[in-house]
Amino acid sequence: MEYPTINFTVETSSGKLFERVFSLPAGSAFVEPGDNTEHTVALDTVARDDWAAAYAKADKATFNWSIEGQASGHSEKPVKKSWP
């Protein structure tokens, strides 16, 4: 079974800081509807000239996610703390 691509971004009022396009490996175990298995995904910094300044000014950011052709959502989170 091939899983859809999941797109993650972290954006502040000054623009995007982090992103990651993630796909589960082929042959991964089948995921049942309602399954709440957690996967940790590291986000990559976005290439921009003012990244450090934008990050330093940001206290909160919007975490956005979308699953190719299926669903999307967002949540406001603190930028400089781990997210559970």
N, C-alpha and C. Protein backbone atom coordinates (compact mmCIF):
# COMPACT_ATOMS: atom_id res chain seq x y z
N MET A 1 0.85 -1.18 0.00
CA MET A 1 0.00 0.00 0.00
C MET A 1 0.88 1.23 0.00
N GLU A 2 0.54 2.20 -0.82
CA GLU A 2 1.30 3.44 -0.87
C GLU A 2 0.56 4.51 -0.06
N TYR A 3 1.27 5.14 0.85
CA TYR A 3 0.68 6.17 1.70
C TYR A 3 0.78 7.54 1.02
N PRO A 4 -0.16 8.43 1.27
CA PRO A 4 -0.08 9.77 0.67
C PRO A 4 1.04 10.58 1.33
N THR A 5 1.50 11.56 0.61
CA THR A 5 2.53 12.47 1.11
C THR A 5 1.90 13.41 2.13
N ILE A 6 2.63 13.68 3.21
CA ILE A 6 2.18 14.63 4.23
C ILE A 6 3.12 15.83 4.20
N ASN A 7 2.55 17.02 4.14
CA ASN A 7 3.33 18.26 4.12
C ASN A 7 3.19 18.97 5.46
N PHE A 8 4.32 19.34 6.06
CA PHE A 8 4.33 20.07 7.31
C PHE A 8 5.02 21.42 7.08
N THR A 9 4.48 22.49 7.67
CA THR A 9 5.16 23.78 7.67
C THR A 9 4.94 24.45 9.02
N VAL A 10 5.88 25.32 9.38
CA VAL A 10 5.75 26.16 10.56
C VAL A 10 5.93 27.60 10.07
N GLU A 11 4.88 28.41 10.25
CA GLU A 11 4.90 29.77 9.72
C GLU A 11 4.62 30.79 10.81
N THR A 12 5.31 31.91 10.72
CA THR A 12 5.09 33.05 11.62
C THR A 12 4.53 34.20 10.80
N SER A 13 4.28 35.32 11.46
CA SER A 13 3.78 36.49 10.73
C SER A 13 4.81 36.99 9.71
N SER A 14 6.09 36.64 9.90
CA SER A 14 7.11 37.06 8.95
C SER A 14 7.41 36.01 7.88
N GLY A 15 6.67 34.91 7.89
CA GLY A 15 6.83 33.91 6.85
C GLY A 15 7.20 32.54 7.38
N LYS A 16 7.48 31.62 6.46
CA LYS A 16 7.75 30.22 6.78
C LYS A 16 9.14 30.06 7.39
N LEU A 17 9.23 29.26 8.49
CA LEU A 17 10.51 28.98 9.15
C LEU A 17 10.98 27.54 8.92
N PHE A 18 10.04 26.58 8.98
CA PHE A 18 10.38 25.16 8.85
C PHE A 18 9.42 24.49 7.88
N GLU A 19 9.88 23.40 7.29
CA GLU A 19 8.99 22.60 6.45
C GLU A 19 9.54 21.19 6.33
N ARG A 20 8.69 20.28 5.92
CA ARG A 20 9.10 18.89 5.65
C ARG A 20 8.00 18.25 4.83
N VAL A 21 8.39 17.58 3.78
CA VAL A 21 7.49 16.74 3.01
C VAL A 21 7.83 15.33 3.43
N PHE A 22 6.85 14.58 3.94
CA PHE A 22 7.08 13.29 4.56
C PHE A 22 6.21 12.21 3.94
N SER A 23 6.81 11.08 3.67
CA SER A 23 6.07 9.92 3.19
C SER A 23 6.47 8.72 4.03
N LEU A 24 5.50 7.92 4.45
CA LEU A 24 5.82 6.69 5.16
C LEU A 24 6.51 5.74 4.17
N PRO A 25 7.46 4.96 4.63
CA PRO A 25 8.15 4.04 3.72
C PRO A 25 7.20 3.01 3.12
N ALA A 26 7.47 2.64 1.88
CA ALA A 26 6.67 1.60 1.24
C ALA A 26 6.75 0.32 2.07
N GLY A 27 5.64 -0.38 2.17
CA GLY A 27 5.62 -1.62 2.93
C GLY A 27 5.37 -1.42 4.41
N SER A 28 5.10 -0.18 4.84
CA SER A 28 4.78 0.07 6.25
C SER A 28 3.49 -0.67 6.60
N ALA A 29 3.34 -0.98 7.86
CA ALA A 29 2.13 -1.68 8.31
C ALA A 29 0.89 -0.88 7.95
N PHE A 30 -0.20 -1.55 7.69
CA PHE A 30 -1.45 -0.90 7.35
C PHE A 30 -1.93 -0.05 8.52
N VAL A 31 -2.41 1.13 8.23
CA VAL A 31 -2.92 2.04 9.25
C VAL A 31 -4.44 2.01 9.19
N GLU A 32 -5.06 1.60 10.27
CA GLU A 32 -6.52 1.55 10.35
C GLU A 32 -7.09 2.94 10.61
N PRO A 33 -8.29 3.25 10.13
CA PRO A 33 -8.93 4.52 10.47
C PRO A 33 -9.03 4.65 11.99
N GLY A 34 -8.73 5.83 12.50
CA GLY A 34 -8.79 6.07 13.94
C GLY A 34 -7.52 5.68 14.67
N ASP A 35 -6.54 5.12 13.96
CA ASP A 35 -5.27 4.74 14.57
C ASP A 35 -4.56 6.00 15.06
N ASN A 36 -4.09 5.99 16.29
CA ASN A 36 -3.43 7.18 16.83
C ASN A 36 -1.94 6.94 17.07
N THR A 37 -1.33 6.09 16.26
CA THR A 37 0.10 5.85 16.33
C THR A 37 0.83 7.16 16.04
N GLU A 38 1.83 7.48 16.84
CA GLU A 38 2.58 8.72 16.66
C GLU A 38 3.88 8.46 15.92
N HIS A 39 4.21 9.36 15.00
CA HIS A 39 5.48 9.32 14.27
C HIS A 39 6.18 10.65 14.51
N THR A 40 7.45 10.61 14.88
CA THR A 40 8.22 11.83 15.05
C THR A 40 8.82 12.21 13.71
N VAL A 41 8.65 13.48 13.34
CA VAL A 41 9.17 13.97 12.07
C VAL A 41 9.97 15.22 12.35
N ALA A 42 11.25 15.22 11.98
CA ALA A 42 12.09 16.41 12.12
C ALA A 42 11.76 17.37 10.99
N LEU A 43 11.67 18.65 11.32
CA LEU A 43 11.39 19.66 10.31
C LEU A 43 12.69 20.34 9.90
N ASP A 44 12.82 20.69 8.63
CA ASP A 44 14.01 21.35 8.10
C ASP A 44 13.81 22.86 8.09
N THR A 45 14.88 23.59 8.35
CA THR A 45 14.79 25.05 8.24
C THR A 45 14.62 25.44 6.78
N VAL A 46 13.93 26.53 6.57
CA VAL A 46 13.69 27.06 5.23
C VAL A 46 14.86 27.97 4.87
N ALA A 47 15.34 27.87 3.65
CA ALA A 47 16.42 28.74 3.19
C ALA A 47 15.87 30.15 2.98
N ARG A 48 16.30 31.08 3.82
CA ARG A 48 15.93 32.49 3.65
C ARG A 48 17.00 33.33 4.33
N ASP A 49 17.28 34.50 3.78
CA ASP A 49 18.36 35.34 4.27
C ASP A 49 18.16 35.83 5.70
N ASP A 50 16.90 36.03 6.11
CA ASP A 50 16.64 36.59 7.44
C ASP A 50 16.11 35.54 8.42
N TRP A 51 16.44 34.27 8.19
CA TRP A 51 15.88 33.20 9.01
C TRP A 51 16.16 33.41 10.49
N ALA A 52 17.41 33.66 10.88
CA ALA A 52 17.76 33.81 12.30
C ALA A 52 17.02 34.98 12.93
N ALA A 53 16.89 36.08 12.23
CA ALA A 53 16.19 37.24 12.76
C ALA A 53 14.69 36.94 12.91
N ALA A 54 14.11 36.28 11.92
CA ALA A 54 12.68 35.94 11.99
C ALA A 54 12.42 34.97 13.14
N TYR A 55 13.30 33.99 13.32
CA TYR A 55 13.14 33.03 14.41
C TYR A 55 13.29 33.71 15.76
N ALA A 56 14.26 34.60 15.89
CA ALA A 56 14.49 35.30 17.16
C ALA A 56 13.28 36.14 17.57
N LYS A 57 12.57 36.69 16.61
CA LYS A 57 11.40 37.55 16.89
C LYS A 57 10.13 36.76 17.17
N ALA A 58 10.12 35.48 16.82
CA ALA A 58 8.89 34.69 16.91
C ALA A 58 8.76 33.99 18.26
N ASP A 59 7.61 34.18 18.91
CA ASP A 59 7.29 33.43 20.12
C ASP A 59 6.33 32.29 19.81
N LYS A 60 5.39 32.55 18.92
CA LYS A 60 4.42 31.53 18.51
C LYS A 60 4.41 31.44 16.99
N ALA A 61 4.04 30.27 16.50
CA ALA A 61 3.95 30.06 15.06
C ALA A 61 2.77 29.13 14.80
N THR A 62 2.35 29.08 13.57
CA THR A 62 1.28 28.18 13.17
C THR A 62 1.88 26.94 12.53
N PHE A 63 1.55 25.78 13.09
CA PHE A 63 1.97 24.50 12.55
C PHE A 63 0.86 24.07 11.60
N ASN A 64 1.21 23.89 10.32
CA ASN A 64 0.25 23.49 9.30
C ASN A 64 0.59 22.09 8.81
N TRP A 65 -0.42 21.32 8.50
CA TRP A 65 -0.20 20.00 7.91
C TRP A 65 -1.27 19.73 6.87
N SER A 66 -0.88 18.99 5.86
CA SER A 66 -1.86 18.55 4.86
C SER A 66 -1.46 17.18 4.34
N ILE A 67 -2.45 16.33 4.16
CA ILE A 67 -2.25 15.00 3.62
C ILE A 67 -2.77 15.03 2.19
N GLU A 68 -1.90 14.73 1.27
CA GLU A 68 -2.20 14.83 -0.15
C GLU A 68 -3.59 14.31 -0.51
N GLY A 69 -4.45 15.23 -0.93
CA GLY A 69 -5.78 14.87 -1.39
C GLY A 69 -6.76 14.41 -0.32
N GLN A 70 -6.42 14.53 0.98
CA GLN A 70 -7.32 13.97 1.98
C GLN A 70 -7.74 14.94 3.08
N ALA A 71 -6.80 15.58 3.75
CA ALA A 71 -7.16 16.40 4.90
C ALA A 71 -6.08 17.44 5.15
N SER A 72 -6.41 18.42 6.00
CA SER A 72 -5.42 19.41 6.40
C SER A 72 -5.86 20.01 7.74
N GLY A 73 -4.96 20.73 8.36
CA GLY A 73 -5.26 21.38 9.62
C GLY A 73 -4.12 22.28 10.06
N HIS A 74 -4.33 22.95 11.18
CA HIS A 74 -3.28 23.81 11.71
C HIS A 74 -3.49 23.98 13.21
N SER A 75 -2.42 24.41 13.87
CA SER A 75 -2.47 24.63 15.30
C SER A 75 -1.39 25.65 15.66
N GLU A 76 -1.73 26.59 16.52
CA GLU A 76 -0.73 27.56 16.97
C GLU A 76 0.08 26.94 18.10
N LYS A 77 1.40 27.06 18.01
CA LYS A 77 2.31 26.46 18.99
C LYS A 77 3.42 27.44 19.35
N PRO A 78 4.03 27.27 20.53
CA PRO A 78 5.23 28.07 20.84
C PRO A 78 6.39 27.60 19.96
N VAL A 79 7.21 28.52 19.51
CA VAL A 79 8.29 28.18 18.58
C VAL A 79 9.49 27.55 19.30
N LYS A 80 9.80 28.01 20.48
CA LYS A 80 11.06 27.62 21.11
C LYS A 80 10.90 26.58 22.22
N LYS A 81 9.82 25.80 22.17
CA LYS A 81 9.59 24.71 23.13
C LYS A 81 9.24 23.46 22.35
N SER A 82 9.51 22.29 22.94
CA SER A 82 9.13 21.02 22.31
C SER A 82 7.61 20.92 22.26
N TRP A 83 7.12 20.32 21.21
CA TRP A 83 5.67 20.10 21.06
C TRP A 83 5.38 18.66 21.40
N PRO A 84 4.43 18.43 22.29
CA PRO A 84 4.09 17.04 22.63
C PRO A 84 3.38 16.35 21.49
